[in-house]
PDB file of N, CA and C in Angstrom:
ATOM      1  N   LYS A   1     106.543  95.285  93.174  1.00  0.00           N
ATOM      2  CA  LYS A   1     105.613  96.335  93.510  1.00  0.00           C
ATOM      3  C   LYS A   1     105.074  96.133  94.916  1.00  0.00           C
ATOM      4  N   ILE A   2     104.586  97.192  95.468  1.00  0.00           N
ATOM      5  CA  ILE A   2     103.797  97.124  96.688  1.00  0.00           C
ATOM      6  C   ILE A   2     102.444  97.729  96.322  1.00  0.00           C
ATOM      7  N   ARG A   3     101.376  96.990  96.557  1.00  0.00           N
ATOM      8  CA  ARG A   3     100.035  97.468  96.219  1.00  0.00           C
ATOM      9  C   ARG A   3      99.198  97.511  97.491  1.00  0.00           C
ATOM     10  N   VAL A   4      98.554  98.657  97.717  1.00  0.00           N
ATOM     11  CA  VAL A   4      97.644  98.794  98.858  1.00  0.00           C
ATOM     12  C   VAL A   4      96.230  98.556  98.367  1.00  0.00           C
ATOM     13  N   VAL A   5      95.368  98.020  99.225  1.00  0.00           N
ATOM     14  CA  VAL A   5      94.021  97.655  98.808  1.00  0.00           C
ATOM     15  C   VAL A   5      93.066  98.842  98.753  1.00  0.00           C
ATOM     16  N   TYR A   6      93.442  99.966  99.327  1.00  0.00           N
ATOM     17  CA  TYR A   6      92.534 101.103  99.403  1.00  0.00           C
ATOM     18  C   TYR A   6      92.815 102.203  98.390  1.00  0.00           C
ATOM     19  N   HIS A   7      93.801 102.021  97.511  1.00  0.00           N
ATOM     20  CA  HIS A   7      94.153 103.066  96.553  1.00  0.00           C
ATOM     21  C   HIS A   7      94.749 102.416  95.316  1.00  0.00           C
ATOM     22  N   GLY A   8      94.506 102.993  94.148  1.00  0.00           N
ATOM     23  CA  GLY A   8      94.992 102.413  92.904  1.00  0.00           C
ATOM     24  C   GLY A   8      96.441 102.728  92.567  1.00  0.00           C
ATOM     25  N   VAL A   9      97.132 103.480  93.405  1.00  0.00           N
ATOM     26  CA  VAL A   9      98.517 103.836  93.126  1.00  0.00           C
ATOM     27  C   VAL A   9      99.403 102.587  93.162  1.00  0.00           C
ATOM     28  N   GLU A  10     100.418 102.549  92.283  1.00  0.00           N
ATOM     29  CA  GLU A  10     101.366 101.436  92.247  1.00  0.00           C
ATOM     30  C   GLU A  10     102.772 101.976  92.467  1.00  0.00           C
ATOM     31  N   SER A  11     103.593 101.200  93.146  1.00  0.00           N
ATOM     32  CA  SER A  11     104.980 101.592  93.347  1.00  0.00           C
ATOM     33  C   SER A  11     105.818 101.092  92.172  1.00  0.00           C
ATOM     34  N   ASN A  12     107.023 101.582  92.086  1.00  0.00           N
ATOM     35  CA  ASN A  12     108.019 101.122  91.115  1.00  0.00           C
ATOM     36  C   ASN A  12     107.627 101.361  89.657  1.00  0.00           C
ATOM     37  N   LEU A  13     106.875 102.419  89.394  1.00  0.00           N
ATOM     38  CA  LEU A  13     106.558 102.763  88.020  1.00  0.00           C
ATOM     39  C   LEU A  13     107.595 103.747  87.507  1.00  0.00           C
ATOM     40  N   ARG A  14     108.095 103.525  86.305  1.00  0.00           N
ATOM     41  CA  ARG A  14     109.105 104.406  85.726  1.00  0.00           C
ATOM     42  C   ARG A  14     108.544 105.830  85.631  1.00  0.00           C
ATOM     43  N   GLY A  15     109.275 106.797  86.124  1.00  0.00           N
ATOM     44  CA  GLY A  15     108.872 108.190  86.057  1.00  0.00           C
ATOM     45  C   GLY A  15     107.860 108.617  87.102  1.00  0.00           C
ATOM     46  N   ALA A  16     107.528 107.730  88.027  1.00  0.00           N
ATOM     47  CA  ALA A  16     106.526 108.064  89.050  1.00  0.00           C
ATOM     48  C   ALA A  16     107.067 109.124  90.010  1.00  0.00           C
ATOM     49  N   LYS A  17     106.180 109.936  90.511  1.00  0.00           N
ATOM     50  CA  LYS A  17     106.529 110.966  91.498  1.00  0.00           C
ATOM     51  C   LYS A  17     106.096 110.491  92.880  1.00  0.00           C
ATOM     52  N   PRO A  18     106.803 110.930  93.935  1.00  0.00           N
ATOM     53  CA  PRO A  18     106.391 110.552  95.293  1.00  0.00           C
ATOM     54  C   PRO A  18     104.970 111.026  95.578  1.00  0.00           C
ATOM     55  N   LEU A  19     104.232 110.224  96.310  1.00  0.00           N
ATOM     56  CA  LEU A  19     102.868 110.557  96.705  1.00  0.00           C
ATOM     57  C   LEU A  19     102.866 110.744  98.212  1.00  0.00           C
ATOM     58  N   ALA A  20     102.491 111.929  98.651  1.00  0.00           N
ATOM     59  CA  ALA A  20     102.473 112.207 100.086  1.00  0.00           C
ATOM     60  C   ALA A  20     101.131 112.818 100.451  1.00  0.00           C
ATOM     61  N   GLY A  21     100.688 112.540 101.653  1.00  0.00           N
ATOM     62  CA  GLY A  21      99.448 113.131 102.131  1.00  0.00           C
ATOM     63  C   GLY A  21      98.392 112.079 102.390  1.00  0.00           C
ATOM     64  N   PRO A  22      97.298 112.497 103.007  1.00  0.00           N
ATOM     65  CA  PRO A  22      96.243 111.541 103.360  1.00  0.00           C
ATOM     66  C   PRO A  22      95.463 111.076 102.131  1.00  0.00           C
ATOM     67  N   VAL A  23      94.898 109.902 102.222  1.00  0.00           N
ATOM     68  CA  VAL A  23      94.005 109.376 101.203  1.00  0.00           C
ATOM     69  C   VAL A  23      92.596 109.572 101.728  1.00  0.00           C
ATOM     70  N   ALA A  24      91.780 110.338 101.015  1.00  0.00           N
ATOM     71  CA  ALA A  24      90.422 110.620 101.489  1.00  0.00           C
ATOM     72  C   ALA A  24      89.432 109.729 100.753  1.00  0.00           C
ATOM     73  N   PRO A  25      88.403 109.246 101.356  1.00  0.00           N
ATOM     74  CA  PRO A  25      88.157 109.295 102.798  1.00  0.00           C
ATOM     75  C   PRO A  25      89.053 108.297 103.519  1.00  0.00           C
ATOM     76  N   PRO A  26      89.192 108.431 104.845  1.00  0.00           N
ATOM     77  CA  PRO A  26      90.010 107.462 105.589  1.00  0.00           C
ATOM     78  C   PRO A  26      89.521 106.033 105.331  1.00  0.00           C
ATOM     79  N   TYR A  27      90.456 105.124 105.194  1.00  0.00           N
ATOM     80  CA  TYR A  27      90.156 103.725 104.906  1.00  0.00           C
ATOM     81  C   TYR A  27      90.062 102.947 106.219  1.00  0.00           C
ATOM     82  N   ALA A  28      88.922 102.342 106.452  1.00  0.00           N
ATOM     83  CA  ALA A  28      88.736 101.540 107.671  1.00  0.00           C
ATOM     84  C   ALA A  28      89.333 100.156 107.454  1.00  0.00           C
ATOM     85  N   VAL A  29      90.126  99.716 108.414  1.00  0.00           N
ATOM     86  CA  VAL A  29      90.767  98.403 108.326  1.00  0.00           C
ATOM     87  C   VAL A  29      90.310  97.556 109.502  1.00  0.00           C
ATOM     88  N   GLU A  30      89.758  96.386 109.196  1.00  0.00           N
ATOM     89  CA  GLU A  30      89.365  95.463 110.260  1.00  0.00           C
ATOM     90  C   GLU A  30      90.558  94.615 110.659  1.00  0.00           C
ATOM     91  N   ARG A  31      90.577  94.202 111.892  1.00  0.00           N
ATOM     92  CA  ARG A  31      91.669  93.371 112.393  1.00  0.00           C
ATOM     93  C   ARG A  31      91.812  92.133 111.517  1.00  0.00           C
ATOM     94  N   GLY A  32      93.026  91.889 111.061  1.00  0.00           N
ATOM     95  CA  GLY A  32      93.328  90.721 110.244  1.00  0.00           C
ATOM     96  C   GLY A  32      93.039  90.891 108.759  1.00  0.00           C
ATOM     97  N   ALA A  33      92.468  92.035 108.358  1.00  0.00           N
ATOM     98  CA  ALA A  33      92.156  92.265 106.948  1.00  0.00           C
ATOM     99  C   ALA A  33      93.430  92.627 106.180  1.00  0.00           C
ATOM    100  N   GLU A  34      93.429  92.335 104.905  1.00  0.00           N
ATOM    101  CA  GLU A  34      94.573  92.678 104.060  1.00  0.00           C
ATOM    102  C   GLU A  34      94.665  94.195 103.929  1.00  0.00           C
ATOM    103  N   LEU A  35      95.854  94.725 104.076  1.00  0.00           N
ATOM    104  CA  LEU A  35      96.092  96.152 103.940  1.00  0.00           C
ATOM    105  C   LEU A  35      96.903  96.426 102.669  1.00  0.00           C
ATOM    106  N   ALA A  36      97.911  95.590 102.434  1.00  0.00           N
ATOM    107  CA  ALA A  36      98.771  95.759 101.264  1.00  0.00           C
ATOM    108  C   ALA A  36      99.419  94.417 100.951  1.00  0.00           C
ATOM    109  N   ARG A  37     100.028  94.352  99.770  1.00  0.00           N
ATOM    110  CA  ARG A  37     100.720  93.113  99.395  1.00  0.00           C
ATOM    111  C   ARG A  37     101.957  93.446  98.559  1.00  0.00           C
ATOM    112  N   PHE A  38     102.951  92.609  98.708  1.00  0.00           N
ATOM    113  CA  PHE A  38     104.125  92.678  97.849  1.00  0.00           C
ATOM    114  C   PHE A  38     103.840  91.814  96.641  1.00  0.00           C
ATOM    115  N   GLU A  39     104.071  92.330  95.459  1.00  0.00           N
ATOM    116  CA  GLU A  39     103.887  91.560  94.238  1.00  0.00           C
ATOM    117  C   GLU A  39     105.273  91.233  93.693  1.00  0.00           C
ATOM    118  N   LEU A  40     105.786  90.117  94.147  1.00  0.00           N
ATOM    119  CA  LEU A  40     107.133  89.702  93.792  1.00  0.00           C
ATOM    120  C   LEU A  40     107.065  88.637  92.704  1.00  0.00           C
ATOM    121  N   GLY A  41     107.059  89.038  91.489  1.00  0.00           N
ATOM    122  CA  GLY A  41     107.002  88.080  90.391  1.00  0.00           C
ATOM    123  C   GLY A  41     108.349  87.431  90.172  1.00  0.00           C
ATOM    124  N   SER A  42     108.338  86.293  89.545  1.00  0.00           N
ATOM    125  CA  SER A  42     109.583  85.635  89.180  1.00  0.00           C
ATOM    126  C   SER A  42     109.302  84.705  88.010  1.00  0.00           C
ATOM    127  N   SER A  43     110.326  84.136  87.493  1.00  0.00           N
ATOM    128  CA  SER A  43     110.210  83.208  86.375  1.00  0.00           C
ATOM    129  C   SER A  43     110.750  81.858  86.779  1.00  0.00           C
ATOM    130  N   VAL A  44     110.243  80.822  86.141  1.00  0.00           N
ATOM    131  CA  VAL A  44     110.769  79.479  86.336  1.00  0.00           C
ATOM    132  C   VAL A  44     111.456  79.089  85.045  1.00  0.00           C
ATOM    133  N   ILE A  45     112.736  78.774  85.126  1.00  0.00           N
ATOM    134  CA  ILE A  45     113.492  78.320  83.969  1.00  0.00           C
ATOM    135  C   ILE A  45     114.043  76.948  84.309  1.00  0.00           C
ATOM    136  N   LEU A  46     113.690  75.971  83.526  1.00  0.00           N
ATOM    137  CA  LEU A  46     114.099  74.598  83.778  1.00  0.00           C
ATOM    138  C   LEU A  46     114.896  74.104  82.585  1.00  0.00           C
ATOM    139  N   LEU A  47     116.136  73.702  82.827  1.00  0.00           N
ATOM    140  CA  LEU A  47     116.987  73.161  81.771  1.00  0.00           C
ATOM    141  C   LEU A  47     117.236  71.688  82.052  1.00  0.00           C
ATOM    142  N   ALA A  48     116.973  70.863  81.058  1.00  0.00           N
ATOM    143  CA  ALA A  48     117.198  69.421  81.211  1.00  0.00           C
ATOM    144  C   ALA A  48     117.414  68.823  79.831  1.00  0.00           C
ATOM    145  N   ARG A  49     118.096  67.690  79.811  1.00  0.00           N
ATOM    146  CA  ARG A  49     118.277  66.961  78.549  1.00  0.00           C
ATOM    147  C   ARG A  49     116.953  66.327  78.136  1.00  0.00           C
ATOM    148  N   PRO A  50     116.756  66.120  76.853  1.00  0.00           N
ATOM    149  CA  PRO A  50     115.527  65.469  76.391  1.00  0.00           C
ATOM    150  C   PRO A  50     115.313  64.126  77.101  1.00  0.00           C
ATOM    151  N   GLY A  51     114.102  63.889  77.575  1.00  0.00           N
ATOM    152  CA  GLY A  51     113.753  62.632  78.231  1.00  0.00           C
ATOM    153  C   GLY A  51     114.043  62.585  79.721  1.00  0.00           C
ATOM    154  N   GLU A  52     114.720  63.590  80.280  1.00  0.00           N
ATOM    155  CA  GLU A  52     115.049  63.585  81.706  1.00  0.00           C
ATOM    156  C   GLU A  52     113.925  64.104  82.589  1.00  0.00           C
ATOM    157  N   VAL A  53     113.033  64.911  82.032  1.00  0.00           N
ATOM    158  CA  VAL A  53     111.977  65.540  82.821  1.00  0.00           C
ATOM    159  C   VAL A  53     110.645  65.382  82.100  1.00  0.00           C
ATOM    160  N   THR A  54     109.610  65.049  82.861  1.00  0.00           N
ATOM    161  CA  THR A  54     108.242  65.041  82.341  1.00  0.00           C
ATOM    162  C   THR A  54     107.489  66.155  83.047  1.00  0.00           C
ATOM    163  N   LEU A  55     107.024  67.141  82.259  1.00  0.00           N
ATOM    164  CA  LEU A  55     106.300  68.272  82.840  1.00  0.00           C
ATOM    165  C   LEU A  55     104.843  67.920  83.049  1.00  0.00           C
ATOM    166  N   ASP A  56     104.232  68.555  84.041  1.00  0.00           N
ATOM    167  CA  ASP A  56     102.816  68.386  84.328  1.00  0.00           C
ATOM    168  C   ASP A  56     102.015  68.888  83.124  1.00  0.00           C
ATOM    169  N   ALA A  57     101.249  68.011  82.485  1.00  0.00           N
ATOM    170  CA  ALA A  57     100.512  68.345  81.270  1.00  0.00           C
ATOM    171  C   ALA A  57      99.410  69.371  81.509  1.00  0.00           C
ATOM    172  N   SER A  58      98.986  69.575  82.759  1.00  0.00           N
ATOM    173  CA  SER A  58      97.910  70.523  83.030  1.00  0.00           C
ATOM    174  C   SER A  58      98.407  71.970  83.091  1.00  0.00           C
ATOM    175  N   LEU A  59      99.735  72.174  83.078  1.00  0.00           N
ATOM    176  CA  LEU A  59     100.280  73.533  83.119  1.00  0.00           C
ATOM    177  C   LEU A  59     100.244  74.161  81.734  1.00  0.00           C
ATOM    178  N   ALA A  60      99.901  75.449  81.670  1.00  0.00           N
ATOM    179  CA  ALA A  60      99.853  76.178  80.404  1.00  0.00           C
ATOM    180  C   ALA A  60     100.880  77.302  80.433  1.00  0.00           C
ATOM    181  N   PRO A  61     101.425  77.681  79.271  1.00  0.00           N
ATOM    182  CA  PRO A  61     102.365  78.811  79.241  1.00  0.00           C
ATOM    183  C   PRO A  61     101.731  80.061  79.842  1.00  0.00           C
ATOM    184  N   GLY A  62     102.486  80.751  80.708  1.00  0.00           N
ATOM    185  CA  GLY A  62     102.002  81.956  81.355  1.00  0.00           C
ATOM    186  C   GLY A  62     101.158  81.730  82.589  1.00  0.00           C
ATOM    187  N   GLN A  63     100.885  80.466  82.904  1.00  0.00           N
ATOM    188  CA  GLN A  63     100.069  80.149  84.083  1.00  0.00           C
ATOM    189  C   GLN A  63     100.860  80.429  85.353  1.00  0.00           C
ATOM    190  N   PRO A  64     100.265  81.116  86.335  1.00  0.00           N
ATOM    191  CA  PRO A  64     100.972  81.346  87.597  1.00  0.00           C
ATOM    192  C   PRO A  64     101.265  80.023  88.310  1.00  0.00           C
ATOM    193  N   ILE A  65     102.414  79.961  88.953  1.00  0.00           N
ATOM    194  CA  ILE A  65     102.815  78.786  89.727  1.00  0.00           C
ATOM    195  C   ILE A  65     103.139  79.266  91.133  1.00  0.00           C
ATOM    196  N   ARG A  66     102.631  78.592  92.129  1.00  0.00           N
ATOM    197  CA  ARG A  66     102.877  78.965  93.520  1.00  0.00           C
ATOM    198  C   ARG A  66     104.143  78.284  94.033  1.00  0.00           C
ATOM    199  N   MET A  67     104.798  78.954  94.979  1.00  0.00           N
ATOM    200  CA  MET A  67     106.005  78.390  95.572  1.00  0.00           C
ATOM    201  C   MET A  67     105.694  77.009  96.138  1.00  0.00           C
ATOM    202  N   GLY A  68     106.512  76.043  95.806  1.00  0.00           N
ATOM    203  CA  GLY A  68     106.341  74.679  96.296  1.00  0.00           C
ATOM    204  C   GLY A  68     105.453  73.819  95.417  1.00  0.00           C
ATOM    205  N   GLN A  69     104.802  74.402  94.437  1.00  0.00           N
ATOM    206  CA  GLN A  69     103.921  73.640  93.541  1.00  0.00           C
ATOM    207  C   GLN A  69     104.770  72.783  92.610  1.00  0.00           C
ATOM    208  N   GLY A  70     104.395  71.530  92.455  1.00  0.00           N
ATOM    209  CA  GLY A  70     105.095  70.638  91.531  1.00  0.00           C
ATOM    210  C   GLY A  70     104.814  71.019  90.095  1.00  0.00           C
ATOM    211  N   ILE A  71     105.841  70.945  89.238  1.00  0.00           N
ATOM    212  CA  ILE A  71     105.657  71.262  87.830  1.00  0.00           C
ATOM    213  C   ILE A  71     105.985  70.061  86.940  1.00  0.00           C
ATOM    214  N   GLY A  72     106.425  68.980  87.529  1.00  0.00           N
ATOM    215  CA  GLY A  72     106.773  67.795  86.760  1.00  0.00           C
ATOM    216  C   GLY A  72     107.545  66.816  87.607  1.00  0.00           C
ATOM    217  N   ARG A  73     108.201  65.880  86.923  1.00  0.00           N
ATOM    218  CA  ARG A  73     109.022  64.913  87.658  1.00  0.00           C
ATOM    219  C   ARG A  73     110.267  64.572  86.876  1.00  0.00           C
ATOM    220  N   ILE A  74     111.305  64.214  87.605  1.00  0.00           N
ATOM    221  CA  ILE A  74     112.567  63.804  87.005  1.00  0.00           C
ATOM    222  C   ILE A  74     112.493  62.312  86.728  1.00  0.00           C
ATOM    223  N   GLU A  75     112.842  61.939  85.520  1.00  0.00           N
ATOM    224  CA  GLU A  75     112.826  60.521  85.127  1.00  0.00           C
ATOM    225  C   GLU A  75     114.156  59.899  85.513  1.00  0.00           C
ATOM    226  N   ARG A  76     114.122  58.874  86.342  1.00  0.00           N
ATOM    227  CA  ARG A  76     115.350  58.162  86.751  1.00  0.00           C
ATOM    228  C   ARG A  76     115.740  57.181  85.665  1.00  0.00           C
ATOM    229  N   ARG A  77     117.009  57.127  85.357  1.00  0.00           N
ATOM    230  CA  ARG A  77     117.485  56.195  84.319  1.00  0.00           C
ATOM    231  C   ARG A  77     118.143  55.008  84.946  1.00  0.00           C
TER     232      ARG A  77
END
């Protein structure tokens, strides 16, 4: 999705119609302020044999994970 901060409209909705025209009232944007964001979700799927990986115990199912965040460690045999 692409979400703008000044309007509740969302992109990529099934059956959505194009939205054209100005958004009233005009939205004031300060230099460096967020205007919009890409919401690029993904999933983490980890396959390992039993005992090969120890997951971080503080993680909960459905918890967001940021790119580069550690989720556990590989056990060396």
